[in-house]
Amino acid sequence: MRLAAVIFFNAIVSALSVGPSPAAIEKAVITALNAVRDSRINPALDAVIPDPLEINVSESGDDSKCFLKIAGHCTCHAKYDYGVTLKEIKQLDDFKIIDFTRVTVDSSGPPYAISITGNIATGSLTIDQGSAHAHVGACGIHETADGHADTKGEASGTVKITATGNLDSAKGCIQLSVTSTSIDIGKLSLHDTHVTIKLGKIPVSLGTLADLVLKMVPGLTTLIADALQKPISKALPKAITGAIPCIIIPTLDTIGRNHRARNISSQVQIL
């Protein structure tokens, strides 16, 4: 009889020792991350992001137009060569994780494979220290001039984090260990573009020069992503671990009790 009672008791302990559900882990992790996002995680990231960021992005073009017509015929063609270079991005350290939007537990555990996704944005960027140049030749006349170029913009995208969740059943919590971080800048919008240049008697369209800045978007996007990737990959794991050493999972209160129950059961003697 006593042997049967002990076996029954151990069976109950074993049944209750099932870990938390993936849904419980996902809810607890995303709640914990968003709770410390602005107070602990973003300040830690801002401290390591380079600002200003030195760059060297250029675009150039050429064109040919009729400069002078006589009796309906073009008697003088103007040939244009022009280019724009941007050399610095400021306010990149205003980068923020806007929110953590999704947590997925990819496998049963423990340990648990966890994927985390969040939205990121840079805030307002100033991209300047730029130069513009143009050379125009028409009717034997040649004009060369240099000027200034700058623009403003905002970048946004996503951050993806993979982590391992280790179960601490005694404390009733999950310890996150970040294994990788990736940054994807999905959008870079530019506005308030200014190009200042003067070519004397032979005009060149400043709109044409401003269009060159828009052609820089792919190159600028890559530079911003690369500039963010390394420091964030290094700082984010420490920021998360430092802010939330162990994430309480409500259903793990049962696990904690089971841990104590197992200690009791180990002391039961079969008489």
Foldseek 3Di string as FASTA:
>chain_A
DLVVVLVVLVVVLVVLQFDDDQVLVWVLVQVLCQVCFVPFQLVLLLVQFDFWDFDWFKDKDKDKDQDDDDPNHRPKIKIKIKMKIWTIKGQQSQKGFPGWDGKGFDDDDVFTKIKTKTKIKRPKMKTFPMKMWMWMDMPNDIWIKMWTKIWMKMWMFMKMWIWIWHDDLQVQWTFTATDFMATATPDIDIDPIDIDMDTPPDDDDVVVHSVRVVVCVVVVRVVSRVSSRVSCRVRNRVRVCVSPVTGHRVSSVSSNVSVVSVVVSVPDDDD
